[in-house]
Full PDB file with SEQRES, HELIX, SHEET, SSBOND, CRYST1, ORIGX, SCALE, CONECT and MASTER records, all heavy atoms in Angstrom:
SEQRES   1 A   42  LEU ALA ALA SER GLY GLY TYR PHE ILE ALA MET THR SER          
SEQRES   2 A   42  ASP TYR ILE ILE ALA LYS GLN SER SER GLU VAL GLY SER          
SEQRES   3 A   42  ILE GLY VAL LEU THR GLU LEU PRO THR LYS GLU LYS ASP          
SEQRES   4 A   42  SER SER ILE                                                  
HELIX    1 AA1 GLY A    5  ALA A   10  1                                   6    
SHEET    1 AA1 2 ALA A   2  ALA A   3  0                                        
SHEET    2 AA1 2 VAL A  24  GLY A  25  1                                        
CRYST1    1.000    1.000    1.000  90.00  90.00  90.00 P 1           1          
ORIGX1      1.000000  0.000000  0.000000        0.00000                         
ORIGX2      0.000000  1.000000  0.000000        0.00000                         
ORIGX3      0.000000  0.000000  1.000000        0.00000                         
SCALE1      1.000000  0.000000  0.000000        0.00000                         
SCALE2      0.000000  1.000000  0.000000        0.00000                         
SCALE3      0.000000  0.000000  1.000000        0.00000                         
ATOM      1  N   LEU A   1      17.401   4.463  20.519  1.00  0.00           N  
ATOM      2  CA  LEU A   1      17.110   3.087  20.102  1.00  0.00           C  
ATOM      3  C   LEU A   1      17.087   2.939  18.588  1.00  0.00           C  
ATOM      4  O   LEU A   1      16.462   3.729  17.883  1.00  0.00           O  
ATOM      5  CB  LEU A   1      15.750   2.666  20.675  1.00  0.00           C  
ATOM      6  CG  LEU A   1      15.288   1.240  20.457  1.00  0.00           C  
ATOM      7  CD1 LEU A   1      16.177   0.245  21.208  1.00  0.00           C  
ATOM      8  CD2 LEU A   1      13.831   1.073  20.916  1.00  0.00           C  
ATOM      9  N   ALA A   2      17.809   1.929  18.111  1.00  0.00           N  
ATOM     10  CA  ALA A   2      17.682   1.485  16.715  1.00  0.00           C  
ATOM     11  C   ALA A   2      17.642  -0.031  16.776  1.00  0.00           C  
ATOM     12  O   ALA A   2      18.649  -0.720  16.598  1.00  0.00           O  
ATOM     13  CB  ALA A   2      18.834   1.973  15.862  1.00  0.00           C  
ATOM     14  N   ALA A   3      16.452  -0.547  17.078  1.00  0.00           N  
ATOM     15  CA  ALA A   3      16.300  -1.977  17.331  1.00  0.00           C  
ATOM     16  C   ALA A   3      15.449  -2.630  16.248  1.00  0.00           C  
ATOM     17  O   ALA A   3      14.532  -1.999  15.712  1.00  0.00           O  
ATOM     18  CB  ALA A   3      15.669  -2.219  18.702  1.00  0.00           C  
ATOM     19  N   SER A   4      15.764  -3.870  15.946  1.00  0.00           N  
ATOM     20  CA  SER A   4      15.013  -4.657  14.976  1.00  0.00           C  
ATOM     21  C   SER A   4      14.852  -3.873  13.668  1.00  0.00           C  
ATOM     22  O   SER A   4      15.833  -3.578  13.002  1.00  0.00           O  
ATOM     23  CB  SER A   4      13.674  -5.094  15.565  1.00  0.00           C  
ATOM     24  OG  SER A   4      13.185  -6.233  14.868  1.00  0.00           O  
ATOM     25  N   GLY A   5      13.627  -3.514  13.295  1.00  0.00           N  
ATOM     26  CA  GLY A   5      13.429  -2.755  12.069  1.00  0.00           C  
ATOM     27  C   GLY A   5      14.142  -1.415  12.066  1.00  0.00           C  
ATOM     28  O   GLY A   5      14.532  -0.907  11.007  1.00  0.00           O  
ATOM     29  N   GLY A   6      14.326  -0.833  13.249  1.00  0.00           N  
ATOM     30  CA  GLY A   6      15.093   0.412  13.352  1.00  0.00           C  
ATOM     31  C   GLY A   6      16.527   0.202  12.914  1.00  0.00           C  
ATOM     32  O   GLY A   6      17.125   1.059  12.250  1.00  0.00           O  
ATOM     33  N   TYR A   7      17.095  -0.961  13.254  1.00  0.00           N  
ATOM     34  CA  TYR A   7      18.452  -1.255  12.803  1.00  0.00           C  
ATOM     35  C   TYR A   7      18.470  -1.690  11.337  1.00  0.00           C  
ATOM     36  O   TYR A   7      19.420  -1.408  10.607  1.00  0.00           O  
ATOM     37  CB  TYR A   7      19.100  -2.339  13.666  1.00  0.00           C  
ATOM     38  CG  TYR A   7      20.549  -2.555  13.281  1.00  0.00           C  
ATOM     39  CD1 TYR A   7      21.518  -1.599  13.592  1.00  0.00           C  
ATOM     40  CD2 TYR A   7      20.939  -3.675  12.561  1.00  0.00           C  
ATOM     41  CE1 TYR A   7      22.835  -1.767  13.205  1.00  0.00           C  
ATOM     42  CE2 TYR A   7      22.259  -3.854  12.174  1.00  0.00           C  
ATOM     43  CZ  TYR A   7      23.204  -2.897  12.499  1.00  0.00           C  
ATOM     44  OH  TYR A   7      24.506  -3.054  12.102  1.00  0.00           O  
ATOM     45  N   PHE A   8      17.422  -2.362  10.900  1.00  0.00           N  
ATOM     46  CA  PHE A   8      17.319  -2.762   9.491  1.00  0.00           C  
ATOM     47  C   PHE A   8      17.448  -1.525   8.599  1.00  0.00           C  
ATOM     48  O   PHE A   8      18.118  -1.545   7.560  1.00  0.00           O  
ATOM     49  CB  PHE A   8      15.971  -3.456   9.244  1.00  0.00           C  
ATOM     50  CG  PHE A   8      15.949  -4.346   8.037  1.00  0.00           C  
ATOM     51  CD1 PHE A   8      15.812  -5.721   8.180  1.00  0.00           C  
ATOM     52  CD2 PHE A   8      16.057  -3.816   6.763  1.00  0.00           C  
ATOM     53  CE1 PHE A   8      15.782  -6.556   7.058  1.00  0.00           C  
ATOM     54  CE2 PHE A   8      16.032  -4.645   5.647  1.00  0.00           C  
ATOM     55  CZ  PHE A   8      15.895  -6.011   5.792  1.00  0.00           C  
ATOM     56  N   ILE A   9      16.808  -0.435   9.014  1.00  0.00           N  
ATOM     57  CA  ILE A   9      16.914   0.826   8.275  1.00  0.00           C  
ATOM     58  C   ILE A   9      18.321   1.398   8.394  1.00  0.00           C  
ATOM     59  O   ILE A   9      18.915   1.834   7.409  1.00  0.00           O  
ATOM     60  CB  ILE A   9      15.880   1.841   8.814  1.00  0.00           C  
ATOM     61  CG1 ILE A   9      14.458   1.369   8.531  1.00  0.00           C  
ATOM     62  CG2 ILE A   9      16.114   3.223   8.208  1.00  0.00           C  
ATOM     63  CD1 ILE A   9      13.399   2.173   9.259  1.00  0.00           C  
ATOM     64  N   ALA A  10      18.862   1.389   9.618  1.00  0.00           N  
ATOM     65  CA  ALA A  10      20.155   2.016   9.879  1.00  0.00           C  
ATOM     66  C   ALA A  10      21.281   1.399   9.060  1.00  0.00           C  
ATOM     67  O   ALA A  10      22.151   2.098   8.532  1.00  0.00           O  
ATOM     68  CB  ALA A  10      20.482   1.943  11.369  1.00  0.00           C  
ATOM     69  N   MET A  11      21.280   0.077   8.934  1.00  0.00           N  
ATOM     70  CA  MET A  11      22.415  -0.592   8.293  1.00  0.00           C  
ATOM     71  C   MET A  11      22.482  -0.308   6.796  1.00  0.00           C  
ATOM     72  O   MET A  11      23.496  -0.608   6.147  1.00  0.00           O  
ATOM     73  CB  MET A  11      22.334  -2.100   8.528  1.00  0.00           C  
ATOM     74  CG  MET A  11      21.197  -2.767   7.793  1.00  0.00           C  
ATOM     75  SD  MET A  11      21.149  -4.532   8.102  1.00  0.00           S  
ATOM     76  CE  MET A  11      19.718  -4.994   7.115  1.00  0.00           C  
ATOM     77  N   THR A  12      21.444   0.284   6.226  1.00  0.00           N  
ATOM     78  CA  THR A  12      21.419   0.609   4.807  1.00  0.00           C  
ATOM     79  C   THR A  12      22.339   1.780   4.476  1.00  0.00           C  
ATOM     80  O   THR A  12      22.690   1.990   3.323  1.00  0.00           O  
ATOM     81  CB  THR A  12      19.981   0.983   4.381  1.00  0.00           C  
ATOM     82  OG1 THR A  12      19.076   0.071   4.978  1.00  0.00           O  
ATOM     83  CG2 THR A  12      19.809   0.937   2.889  1.00  0.00           C  
ATOM     84  N   SER A  13      22.734   2.543   5.484  1.00  0.00           N  
ATOM     85  CA  SER A  13      23.424   3.814   5.278  1.00  0.00           C  
ATOM     86  C   SER A  13      24.904   3.635   4.950  1.00  0.00           C  
ATOM     87  O   SER A  13      25.452   2.534   4.967  1.00  0.00           O  
ATOM     88  CB  SER A  13      23.290   4.666   6.540  1.00  0.00           C  
ATOM     89  OG  SER A  13      23.974   4.045   7.605  1.00  0.00           O  
ATOM     90  N   ASP A  14      25.562   4.780   4.697  1.00  0.00           N  
ATOM     91  CA  ASP A  14      27.014   4.792   4.471  1.00  0.00           C  
ATOM     92  C   ASP A  14      27.781   4.746   5.792  1.00  0.00           C  
ATOM     93  O   ASP A  14      28.936   4.299   5.817  1.00  0.00           O  
ATOM     94  CB  ASP A  14      27.412   6.068   3.715  1.00  0.00           C  
ATOM     95  CG  ASP A  14      26.836   6.110   2.315  1.00  0.00           C  
ATOM     96  OD1 ASP A  14      27.263   5.293   1.484  1.00  0.00           O  
ATOM     97  OD2 ASP A  14      25.952   6.945   2.047  1.00  0.00           O  
ATOM     98  N   TYR A  15      27.147   5.201   6.873  1.00  0.00           N  
ATOM     99  CA  TYR A  15      27.868   5.333   8.147  1.00  0.00           C  
ATOM    100  C   TYR A  15      26.848   5.406   9.274  1.00  0.00           C  
ATOM    101  O   TYR A  15      25.804   6.060   9.142  1.00  0.00           O  
ATOM    102  CB  TYR A  15      28.697   6.619   8.119  1.00  0.00           C  
ATOM    103  CG  TYR A  15      29.896   6.649   9.035  1.00  0.00           C  
ATOM    104  CD1 TYR A  15      31.075   5.994   8.703  1.00  0.00           C  
ATOM    105  CD2 TYR A  15      29.865   7.351  10.236  1.00  0.00           C  
ATOM    106  CE1 TYR A  15      32.190   6.043   9.534  1.00  0.00           C  
ATOM    107  CE2 TYR A  15      30.966   7.405  11.083  1.00  0.00           C  
ATOM    108  CZ  TYR A  15      32.133   6.748  10.724  1.00  0.00           C  
ATOM    109  OH  TYR A  15      33.223   6.795  11.545  1.00  0.00           O  
ATOM    110  N   ILE A  16      27.143   4.710  10.400  1.00  0.00           N  
ATOM    111  CA  ILE A  16      26.227   4.697  11.547  1.00  0.00           C  
ATOM    112  C   ILE A  16      26.947   5.246  12.773  1.00  0.00           C  
ATOM    113  O   ILE A  16      28.011   4.745  13.140  1.00  0.00           O  
ATOM    114  CB  ILE A  16      25.720   3.275  11.860  1.00  0.00           C  
ATOM    115  CG1 ILE A  16      25.077   2.634  10.628  1.00  0.00           C  
ATOM    116  CG2 ILE A  16      24.720   3.308  13.015  1.00  0.00           C  
ATOM    117  CD1 ILE A  16      24.685   1.180  10.832  1.00  0.00           C  
ATOM    118  N   ILE A  17      26.350   6.256  13.398  1.00  0.00           N  
ATOM    119  CA  ILE A  17      26.875   6.832  14.632  1.00  0.00           C  
ATOM    120  C   ILE A  17      25.818   6.676  15.722  1.00  0.00           C  
ATOM    121  O   ILE A  17      24.640   6.960  15.500  1.00  0.00           O  
ATOM    122  CB  ILE A  17      27.227   8.325  14.456  1.00  0.00           C  
ATOM    123  CG1 ILE A  17      28.363   8.466  13.427  1.00  0.00           C  
ATOM    124  CG2 ILE A  17      27.630   8.961  15.780  1.00  0.00           C  
ATOM    125  CD1 ILE A  17      28.764   9.901  13.140  1.00  0.00           C  
ATOM    126  N   ALA A  18      26.231   6.193  16.887  1.00  0.00           N  
ATOM    127  CA  ALA A  18      25.322   6.038  18.020  1.00  0.00           C  
ATOM    128  C   ALA A  18      25.987   6.573  19.276  1.00  0.00           C  
ATOM    129  O   ALA A  18      27.204   6.782  19.310  1.00  0.00           O  
ATOM    130  CB  ALA A  18      24.936   4.568  18.207  1.00  0.00           C  
ATOM    131  N   LYS A  19      25.192   6.783  20.291  1.00  0.00           N  
ATOM    132  CA  LYS A  19      25.726   7.251  21.576  1.00  0.00           C  
ATOM    133  C   LYS A  19      26.086   6.045  22.448  1.00  0.00           C  
ATOM    134  O   LYS A  19      25.677   4.921  22.168  1.00  0.00           O  
ATOM    135  CB  LYS A  19      24.681   8.126  22.278  1.00  0.00           C  
ATOM    136  CG  LYS A  19      24.377   9.410  21.522  1.00  0.00           C  
ATOM    137  CD  LYS A  19      23.367  10.285  22.239  1.00  0.00           C  
ATOM    138  CE  LYS A  19      21.974   9.712  22.200  1.00  0.00           C  
ATOM    139  NZ  LYS A  19      20.958  10.665  22.677  1.00  0.00           N  
ATOM    140  N   GLN A  20      26.841   6.322  23.501  1.00  0.00           N  
ATOM    141  CA  GLN A  20      27.219   5.236  24.424  1.00  0.00           C  
ATOM    142  C   GLN A  20      25.987   4.545  24.986  1.00  0.00           C  
ATOM    143  O   GLN A  20      25.954   3.327  25.170  1.00  0.00           O  
ATOM    144  CB  GLN A  20      28.051   5.785  25.596  1.00  0.00           C  
ATOM    145  CG  GLN A  20      29.325   6.503  25.193  1.00  0.00           C  
ATOM    146  CD  GLN A  20      29.137   7.995  25.063  1.00  0.00           C  
ATOM    147  OE1 GLN A  20      28.141   8.446  24.505  1.00  0.00           O  
ATOM    148  NE2 GLN A  20      30.082   8.761  25.597  1.00  0.00           N  
ATOM    149  N   SER A  21      24.959   5.333  25.274  1.00  0.00           N  
ATOM    150  CA  SER A  21      23.756   4.818  25.917  1.00  0.00           C  
ATOM    151  C   SER A  21      22.713   4.291  24.933  1.00  0.00           C  
ATOM    152  O   SER A  21      21.659   3.793  25.342  1.00  0.00           O  
ATOM    153  CB  SER A  21      23.114   5.924  26.770  1.00  0.00           C  
ATOM    154  OG  SER A  21      22.842   7.069  25.964  1.00  0.00           O  
ATOM    155  N   SER A  22      22.983   4.416  23.634  1.00  0.00           N  
ATOM    156  CA  SER A  22      22.032   3.924  22.634  1.00  0.00           C  
ATOM    157  C   SER A  22      21.912   2.407  22.715  1.00  0.00           C  
ATOM    158  O   SER A  22      22.868   1.713  23.078  1.00  0.00           O  
ATOM    159  CB  SER A  22      22.476   4.319  21.223  1.00  0.00           C  
ATOM    160  OG  SER A  22      22.574   5.714  21.074  1.00  0.00           O  
ATOM    161  N   GLU A  23      20.735   1.892  22.368  1.00  0.00           N  
ATOM    162  CA  GLU A  23      20.527   0.450  22.271  1.00  0.00           C  
ATOM    163  C   GLU A  23      20.371   0.090  20.795  1.00  0.00           C  
ATOM    164  O   GLU A  23      19.556   0.678  20.082  1.00  0.00           O  
ATOM    165  CB  GLU A  23      19.279   0.031  23.054  1.00  0.00           C  
ATOM    166  CG  GLU A  23      19.434   0.122  24.563  1.00  0.00           C  
ATOM    167  CD  GLU A  23      20.412  -0.905  25.111  1.00  0.00           C  
ATOM    168  OE1 GLU A  23      20.388  -2.062  24.643  1.00  0.00           O  
ATOM    169  OE2 GLU A  23      21.212  -0.555  25.998  1.00  0.00           O  
ATOM    170  N   VAL A  24      21.169  -0.878  20.358  1.00  0.00           N  
ATOM    171  CA  VAL A  24      21.217  -1.251  18.940  1.00  0.00           C  
ATOM    172  C   VAL A  24      21.104  -2.767  18.822  1.00  0.00           C  
ATOM    173  O   VAL A  24      21.663  -3.496  19.645  1.00  0.00           O  
ATOM    174  CB  VAL A  24      22.538  -0.774  18.302  1.00  0.00           C  
ATOM    175  CG1 VAL A  24      22.655  -1.256  16.866  1.00  0.00           C  
ATOM    176  CG2 VAL A  24      22.652   0.740  18.368  1.00  0.00           C  
ATOM    177  N   GLY A  25      20.401  -3.238  17.801  1.00  0.00           N  
ATOM    178  CA  GLY A  25      20.342  -4.680  17.562  1.00  0.00           C  
ATOM    179  C   GLY A  25      18.945  -5.240  17.521  1.00  0.00           C  
ATOM    180  O   GLY A  25      18.113  -4.761  16.759  1.00  0.00           O  
ATOM    181  N   SER A  26      18.673  -6.259  18.327  1.00  0.00           N  
ATOM    182  CA  SER A  26      17.397  -6.981  18.330  1.00  0.00           C  
ATOM    183  C   SER A  26      17.066  -7.469  16.919  1.00  0.00           C  
ATOM    184  O   SER A  26      15.990  -7.211  16.388  1.00  0.00           O  
ATOM    185  CB  SER A  26      16.263  -6.090  18.867  1.00  0.00           C  
ATOM    186  OG  SER A  26      15.078  -6.835  19.044  1.00  0.00           O  
ATOM    187  N   ILE A  27      18.020  -8.172  16.333  1.00  0.00           N  
ATOM    188  CA  ILE A  27      17.896  -8.602  14.940  1.00  0.00           C  
ATOM    189  C   ILE A  27      17.088  -9.894  14.881  1.00  0.00           C  
ATOM    190  O   ILE A  27      17.590 -10.974  15.203  1.00  0.00           O  
ATOM    191  CB  ILE A  27      19.295  -8.763  14.317  1.00  0.00           C  
ATOM    192  CG1 ILE A  27      19.971  -7.395  14.260  1.00  0.00           C  
ATOM    193  CG2 ILE A  27      19.219  -9.397  12.933  1.00  0.00           C  
ATOM    194  CD1 ILE A  27      21.448  -7.436  14.028  1.00  0.00           C  
ATOM    195  N   GLY A  28      15.839  -9.768  14.506  1.00  0.00           N  
ATOM    196  CA  GLY A  28      14.954 -10.925  14.459  1.00  0.00           C  
ATOM    197  C   GLY A  28      13.568 -10.555  13.988  1.00  0.00           C  
ATOM    198  O   GLY A  28      13.289  -9.412  13.654  1.00  0.00           O  
ATOM    199  N   VAL A  29      12.691 -11.542  13.968  1.00  0.00           N  
ATOM    200  CA  VAL A  29      11.339 -11.390  13.423  1.00  0.00           C  
ATOM    201  C   VAL A  29      10.341 -12.035  14.374  1.00  0.00           C  
ATOM    202  O   VAL A  29      10.676 -12.990  15.081  1.00  0.00           O  
ATOM    203  CB  VAL A  29      11.227 -12.094  12.049  1.00  0.00           C  
ATOM    204  CG1 VAL A  29       9.941 -11.683  11.339  1.00  0.00           C  
ATOM    205  CG2 VAL A  29      12.435 -11.827  11.180  1.00  0.00           C  
ATOM    206  N   LEU A  30       9.128 -11.516  14.395  1.00  0.00           N  
ATOM    207  CA  LEU A  30       8.056 -12.177  15.143  1.00  0.00           C  
ATOM    208  C   LEU A  30       6.750 -12.085  14.376  1.00  0.00           C  
ATOM    209  O   LEU A  30       6.587 -11.240  13.489  1.00  0.00           O  
ATOM    210  CB  LEU A  30       7.910 -11.565  16.539  1.00  0.00           C  
ATOM    211  CG  LEU A  30       7.608 -10.069  16.685  1.00  0.00           C  
ATOM    212  CD1 LEU A  30       6.105  -9.831  16.697  1.00  0.00           C  
ATOM    213  CD2 LEU A  30       8.230  -9.545  17.960  1.00  0.00           C  
ATOM    214  N   THR A  31       5.847 -12.988  14.690  1.00  0.00           N  
ATOM    215  CA  THR A  31       4.528 -13.003  14.061  1.00  0.00           C  
ATOM    216  C   THR A  31       3.571 -13.741  14.979  1.00  0.00           C  
ATOM    217  O   THR A  31       3.937 -14.156  16.085  1.00  0.00           O  
ATOM    218  CB  THR A  31       4.573 -13.670  12.673  1.00  0.00           C  
ATOM    219  OG1 THR A  31       3.319 -13.480  12.007  1.00  0.00           O  
ATOM    220  CG2 THR A  31       4.846 -15.158  12.776  1.00  0.00           C  
ATOM    221  N   GLU A  32       2.347 -13.913  14.530  1.00  0.00           N  
ATOM    222  CA  GLU A  32       1.346 -14.692  15.265  1.00  0.00           C  
ATOM    223  C   GLU A  32       1.001 -15.945  14.491  1.00  0.00           C  
ATOM    224  O   GLU A  32       0.942 -15.928  13.261  1.00  0.00           O  
ATOM    225  CB  GLU A  32       0.068 -13.872  15.444  1.00  0.00           C  
ATOM    226  CG  GLU A  32       0.148 -12.798  16.493  1.00  0.00           C  
ATOM    227  CD  GLU A  32      -1.210 -12.144  16.689  1.00  0.00           C  
ATOM    228  OE1 GLU A  32      -1.639 -11.402  15.791  1.00  0.00           O  
ATOM    229  OE2 GLU A  32      -1.840 -12.391  17.713  1.00  0.00           O  
ATOM    230  N   LEU A  33       0.772 -17.020  15.212  1.00  0.00           N  
ATOM    231  CA  LEU A  33       0.291 -18.230  14.560  1.00  0.00           C  
ATOM    232  C   LEU A  33      -1.168 -18.032  14.141  1.00  0.00           C  
ATOM    233  O   LEU A  33      -1.908 -17.284  14.791  1.00  0.00           O  
ATOM    234  CB  LEU A  33       0.398 -19.429  15.504  1.00  0.00           C  
ATOM    235  CG  LEU A  33       1.822 -19.916  15.782  1.00  0.00           C  
ATOM    236  CD1 LEU A  33       1.808 -20.969  16.880  1.00  0.00           C  
ATOM    237  CD2 LEU A  33       2.439 -20.482  14.504  1.00  0.00           C  
ATOM    238  N   PRO A  34      -1.578 -18.669  13.056  1.00  0.00           N  
ATOM    239  CA  PRO A  34      -2.966 -18.507  12.617  1.00  0.00           C  
ATOM    240  C   PRO A  34      -3.941 -19.013  13.671  1.00  0.00           C  
ATOM    241  O   PRO A  34      -3.656 -19.950  14.415  1.00  0.00           O  
ATOM    242  CB  PRO A  34      -3.036 -19.356  11.340  1.00  0.00           C  
ATOM    243  CG  PRO A  34      -1.894 -20.300  11.444  1.00  0.00           C  
ATOM    244  CD  PRO A  34      -0.828 -19.582  12.198  1.00  0.00           C  
ATOM    245  N   THR A  35      -5.088 -18.385  13.729  1.00  0.00           N  
ATOM    246  CA  THR A  35      -6.105 -18.770  14.693  1.00  0.00           C  
ATOM    247  C   THR A  35      -6.661 -20.152  14.376  1.00  0.00           C  
ATOM    248  O   THR A  35      -6.702 -20.567  13.215  1.00  0.00           O  
ATOM    249  CB  THR A  35      -7.265 -17.752  14.692  1.00  0.00           C  
ATOM    250  OG1 THR A  35      -8.269 -18.204  15.590  1.00  0.00           O  
ATOM    251  CG2 THR A  35      -7.864 -17.584  13.306  1.00  0.00           C  
ATOM    252  N   LYS A  36      -7.054 -20.855  15.395  1.00  0.00           N  
ATOM    253  CA  LYS A  36      -7.610 -22.190  15.206  1.00  0.00           C  
ATOM    254  C   LYS A  36      -9.131 -22.149  14.979  1.00  0.00           C  
ATOM    255  O   LYS A  36      -9.750 -23.150  14.661  1.00  0.00           O  
ATOM    256  CB  LYS A  36      -7.314 -23.060  16.433  1.00  0.00           C  
ATOM    257  CG  LYS A  36      -5.823 -23.272  16.702  1.00  0.00           C  
ATOM    258  CD  LYS A  36      -5.155 -24.027  15.585  1.00  0.00           C  
ATOM    259  CE  LYS A  36      -3.671 -24.303  15.900  1.00  0.00           C  
ATOM    260  NZ  LYS A  36      -3.001 -25.002  14.784  1.00  0.00           N  
ATOM    261  N   GLU A  37      -9.679 -20.965  15.162  1.00  0.00           N  
ATOM    262  CA  GLU A  37     -11.135 -20.859  15.007  1.00  0.00           C  
ATOM    263  C   GLU A  37     -11.520 -20.959  13.537  1.00  0.00           C  
ATOM    264  O   GLU A  37     -10.873 -20.393  12.669  1.00  0.00           O  
ATOM    265  CB  GLU A  37     -11.627 -19.526  15.580  1.00  0.00           C  
ATOM    266  CG  GLU A  37     -11.406 -19.402  17.085  1.00  0.00           C  
ATOM    267  CD  GLU A  37     -11.845 -18.044  17.603  1.00  0.00           C  
ATOM    268  OE1 GLU A  37     -12.399 -17.258  16.800  1.00  0.00           O  
ATOM    269  OE2 GLU A  37     -11.628 -17.779  18.782  1.00  0.00           O  
ATOM    270  N   LYS A  38     -12.582 -21.684  13.254  1.00  0.00           N  
ATOM    271  CA  LYS A  38     -13.059 -21.858  11.888  1.00  0.00           C  
ATOM    272  C   LYS A  38     -14.486 -21.343  11.771  1.00  0.00           C  
ATOM    273  O   LYS A  38     -15.300 -21.526  12.666  1.00  0.00           O  
ATOM    274  CB  LYS A  38     -13.032 -23.337  11.483  1.00  0.00           C  
ATOM    275  CG  LYS A  38     -11.652 -23.986  11.554  1.00  0.00           C  
ATOM    276  CD  LYS A  38     -10.752 -23.493  10.449  1.00  0.00           C  
ATOM    277  CE  LYS A  38      -9.405 -24.218  10.482  1.00  0.00           C  
ATOM    278  NZ  LYS A  38      -8.498 -23.745   9.430  1.00  0.00           N  
ATOM    279  N   ASP A  39     -14.733 -20.653  10.668  1.00  0.00           N  
ATOM    280  CA  ASP A  39     -16.091 -20.196  10.380  1.00  0.00           C  
ATOM    281  C   ASP A  39     -16.706 -21.199   9.411  1.00  0.00           C  
ATOM    282  O   ASP A  39     -16.287 -21.307   8.258  1.00  0.00           O  
ATOM    283  CB  ASP A  39     -16.040 -18.793   9.752  1.00  0.00           C  
ATOM    284  CG  ASP A  39     -17.433 -18.187   9.632  1.00  0.00           C  
ATOM    285  OD1 ASP A  39     -18.404 -18.958   9.574  1.00  0.00           O  
ATOM    286  OD2 ASP A  39     -17.532 -16.945   9.581  1.00  0.00           O  
ATOM    287  N   SER A  40     -17.680 -21.945   9.891  1.00  0.00           N  
ATOM    288  CA  SER A  40     -18.263 -23.032   9.088  1.00  0.00           C  
ATOM    289  C   SER A  40     -19.001 -22.510   7.855  1.00  0.00           C  
ATOM    290  O   SER A  40     -19.290 -23.271   6.933  1.00  0.00           O  
ATOM    291  CB  SER A  40     -19.227 -23.856   9.954  1.00  0.00           C  
ATOM    292  OG  SER A  40     -20.252 -23.025  10.482  1.00  0.00           O  
ATOM    293  N   SER A  41     -19.297 -21.201   7.819  1.00  0.00           N  
ATOM    294  CA  SER A  41     -20.019 -20.669   6.672  1.00  0.00           C  
ATOM    295  C   SER A  41     -19.103 -20.354   5.493  1.00  0.00           C  
ATOM    296  O   SER A  41     -19.569 -20.053   4.394  1.00  0.00           O  
ATOM    297  CB  SER A  41     -20.768 -19.385   7.078  1.00  0.00           C  
ATOM    298  OG  SER A  41     -19.856 -18.361   7.429  1.00  0.00           O  
ATOM    299  N   ILE A  42     -17.778 -20.399   5.723  1.00  0.00           N  
ATOM    300  CA  ILE A  42     -16.829 -20.099   4.663  1.00  0.00           C  
ATOM    301  C   ILE A  42     -16.426 -21.377   3.952  1.00  0.00           C  
ATOM    302  O   ILE A  42     -16.020 -22.359   4.568  1.00  0.00           O  
ATOM    303  CB  ILE A  42     -15.565 -19.396   5.231  1.00  0.00           C  
ATOM    304  CG1 ILE A  42     -15.950 -18.036   5.816  1.00  0.00           C  
ATOM    305  CG2 ILE A  42     -14.502 -19.243   4.149  1.00  0.00           C  
ATOM    306  CD1 ILE A  42     -14.795 -17.302   6.453  1.00  0.00           C  
TER     307      ILE A  42                                                      
MASTER        0    0    0    1    2    0    0    6  306    1    0    4          
END                                                                             
């Protein structure tokens, strides 16, 4: 596997070799939305 950040690293190289069964790609980003909870003391 060289997926997402794994592929981000791989593409920096001079040459990429993978096997037939390797999984490559998943080019994207994810995150969490900020919590809706508020601390009234802040």
